[in-house]
Amino acid sequence: MKALTLILFCLSVSLAIGTEKVIPFAMPDKMEDLLANYCFDCHDDETKKGEVRLDNLKTLALKDQLDLLNRVQEQIFIKEMPP
């Protein structure tokens, strides 16, 4: 009985994780201006330098938004970006 309960719990958690909704991302105007001025020329749908695309940030799931923004922050911190 305990094994069945555990299996059902794991299954429900995996289903919940797999159905993550896209939460609208309210990007501040200042951030959007910074990305447009320093990032979109090289990291848009056409260019995607380093396989990084920033012009679609608002359409990503929250987890993906945070992962991407953390990568951007790291590149800025180590002074790799903007060039």
C-alpha atoms as a PDB file:
ATOM      1  CA  MET A   1       0.000   0.000   0.000  1.00  0.00           C
ATOM      2  CA  LYS A   2       2.834   2.394   0.848  1.00  0.00           C
ATOM      3  CA  ALA A   3       4.525   1.637  -2.466  1.00  0.00           C
ATOM      4  CA  LEU A   4       1.337   2.410  -4.383  1.00  0.00           C
ATOM      5  CA  THR A   5       0.926   5.704  -2.519  1.00  0.00           C
ATOM      6  CA  LEU A   6       4.530   6.626  -3.265  1.00  0.00           C
ATOM      7  CA  ILE A   7       4.136   5.757  -6.953  1.00  0.00           C
ATOM      8  CA  LEU A   8       0.945   7.833  -7.235  1.00  0.00           C
ATOM      9  CA  PHE A   9       2.624  10.761  -5.478  1.00  0.00           C
ATOM     10  CA  CYS A  10       5.659  10.631  -7.796  1.00  0.00           C
ATOM     11  CA  LEU A  11       3.417  10.399 -10.835  1.00  0.00           C
ATOM     12  CA  SER A  12       1.347  13.408  -9.791  1.00  0.00           C
ATOM     13  CA  VAL A  13       4.481  15.473  -9.103  1.00  0.00           C
ATOM     14  CA  SER A  14       5.984  14.584 -12.483  1.00  0.00           C
ATOM     15  CA  LEU A  15       2.741  15.508 -14.243  1.00  0.00           C
ATOM     16  CA  ALA A  16       2.612  18.838 -12.419  1.00  0.00           C
ATOM     17  CA  ILE A  17       6.189  19.633 -13.385  1.00  0.00           C
ATOM     18  CA  GLY A  18       5.592  18.681 -17.011  1.00  0.00           C
ATOM     19  CA  THR A  19       2.650  21.056 -17.383  1.00  0.00           C
ATOM     20  CA  GLU A  20       4.318  24.317 -16.368  1.00  0.00           C
ATOM     21  CA  LYS A  21       2.402  27.305 -17.656  1.00  0.00           C
ATOM     22  CA  VAL A  22       4.041  30.288 -19.293  1.00  0.00           C
ATOM     23  CA  ILE A  23       3.686  33.163 -16.845  1.00  0.00           C
ATOM     24  CA  PRO A  24       3.649  36.575 -18.509  1.00  0.00           C
ATOM     25  CA  PHE A  25       6.894  38.395 -17.842  1.00  0.00           C
ATOM     26  CA  ALA A  26       6.428  42.081 -17.089  1.00  0.00           C
ATOM     27  CA  MET A  27       9.769  43.427 -18.259  1.00  0.00           C
ATOM     28  CA  PRO A  28      10.503  46.922 -16.942  1.00  0.00           C
ATOM     29  CA  ASP A  29      10.934  49.528 -19.686  1.00  0.00           C
ATOM     30  CA  LYS A  30      14.499  50.236 -18.572  1.00  0.00           C
ATOM     31  CA  MET A  31      15.432  46.555 -18.915  1.00  0.00           C
ATOM     32  CA  GLU A  32      13.810  46.315 -22.336  1.00  0.00           C
ATOM     33  CA  ASP A  33      15.732  49.418 -23.458  1.00  0.00           C
ATOM     34  CA  LEU A  34      19.024  47.945 -22.203  1.00  0.00           C
ATOM     35  CA  LEU A  35      18.428  44.661 -24.009  1.00  0.00           C
ATOM     36  CA  ALA A  36      17.436  46.481 -27.200  1.00  0.00           C
ATOM     37  CA  ASN A  37      20.522  48.725 -27.071  1.00  0.00           C
ATOM     38  CA  TYR A  38      23.130  46.150 -26.062  1.00  0.00           C
ATOM     39  CA  CYS A  39      21.852  42.637 -26.793  1.00  0.00           C
ATOM     40  CA  PHE A  40      19.266  42.264 -29.556  1.00  0.00           C
ATOM     41  CA  ASP A  41      21.690  42.983 -32.404  1.00  0.00           C
ATOM     42  CA  CYS A  42      23.536  39.743 -31.666  1.00  0.00           C
ATOM     43  CA  HIS A  43      20.958  37.722 -29.711  1.00  0.00           C
ATOM     44  CA  ASP A  44      17.735  37.853 -31.704  1.00  0.00           C
ATOM     45  CA  ASP A  45      15.817  35.313 -33.790  1.00  0.00           C
ATOM     46  CA  GLU A  46      18.117  35.680 -36.805  1.00  0.00           C
ATOM     47  CA  THR A  47      21.554  35.947 -35.203  1.00  0.00           C
ATOM     48  CA  LYS A  48      21.465  33.934 -31.932  1.00  0.00           C
ATOM     49  CA  LYS A  49      25.203  34.321 -31.235  1.00  0.00           C
ATOM     50  CA  GLY A  50      26.333  31.682 -28.792  1.00  0.00           C
ATOM     51  CA  GLU A  51      22.943  30.049 -29.331  1.00  0.00           C
ATOM     52  CA  VAL A  52      21.435  32.708 -27.034  1.00  0.00           C
ATOM     53  CA  ARG A  53      18.227  34.431 -28.007  1.00  0.00           C
ATOM     54  CA  LEU A  54      16.926  37.268 -25.839  1.00  0.00           C
ATOM     55  CA  ASP A  55      14.164  38.769 -27.962  1.00  0.00           C
ATOM     56  CA  ASN A  56      11.730  36.035 -26.932  1.00  0.00           C
ATOM     57  CA  LEU A  57      12.282  36.360 -23.179  1.00  0.00           C
ATOM     58  CA  LYS A  58       8.640  37.225 -22.497  1.00  0.00           C
ATOM     59  CA  THR A  59       7.421  34.015 -24.141  1.00  0.00           C
ATOM     60  CA  LEU A  60       9.535  31.602 -22.083  1.00  0.00           C
ATOM     61  CA  ALA A  61       8.337  29.681 -19.048  1.00  0.00           C
ATOM     62  CA  LEU A  62       9.330  31.316 -15.768  1.00  0.00           C
ATOM     63  CA  LYS A  63      12.055  28.735 -15.058  1.00  0.00           C
ATOM     64  CA  ASP A  64      13.572  29.283 -18.505  1.00  0.00           C
ATOM     65  CA  GLN A  65      13.380  33.061 -18.081  1.00  0.00           C
ATOM     66  CA  LEU A  66      15.252  32.861 -14.787  1.00  0.00           C
ATOM     67  CA  ASP A  67      17.862  30.459 -16.177  1.00  0.00           C
ATOM     68  CA  LEU A  68      18.511  32.732 -19.147  1.00  0.00           C
ATOM     69  CA  LEU A  69      18.653  35.897 -17.046  1.00  0.00           C
ATOM     70  CA  ASN A  70      21.078  34.205 -14.648  1.00  0.00           C
ATOM     71  CA  ARG A  71      23.327  33.316 -17.596  1.00  0.00           C
ATOM     72  CA  VAL A  72      23.134  36.913 -18.833  1.00  0.00           C
ATOM     73  CA  GLN A  73      23.953  38.246 -15.371  1.00  0.00           C
ATOM     74  CA  GLU A  74      26.965  35.926 -15.145  1.00  0.00           C
ATOM     75  CA  GLN A  75      28.298  37.109 -18.517  1.00  0.00           C
ATOM     76  CA  ILE A  76      27.901  40.746 -17.484  1.00  0.00           C
ATOM     77  CA  PHE A  77      29.567  40.103 -14.112  1.00  0.00           C
ATOM     78  CA  ILE A  78      32.659  38.498 -15.672  1.00  0.00           C
ATOM     79  CA  LYS A  79      32.697  41.305 -18.258  1.00  0.00           C
ATOM     80  CA  GLU A  80      32.245  38.988 -21.252  1.00  0.00           C
ATOM     81  CA  MET A  81      29.125  40.876 -22.329  1.00  0.00           C
ATOM     82  CA  PRO A  82      28.381  43.281 -23.770  1.00  0.00           C
ATOM     83  CA  PRO A  83      31.427  43.229 -26.041  1.00  0.00           C
END
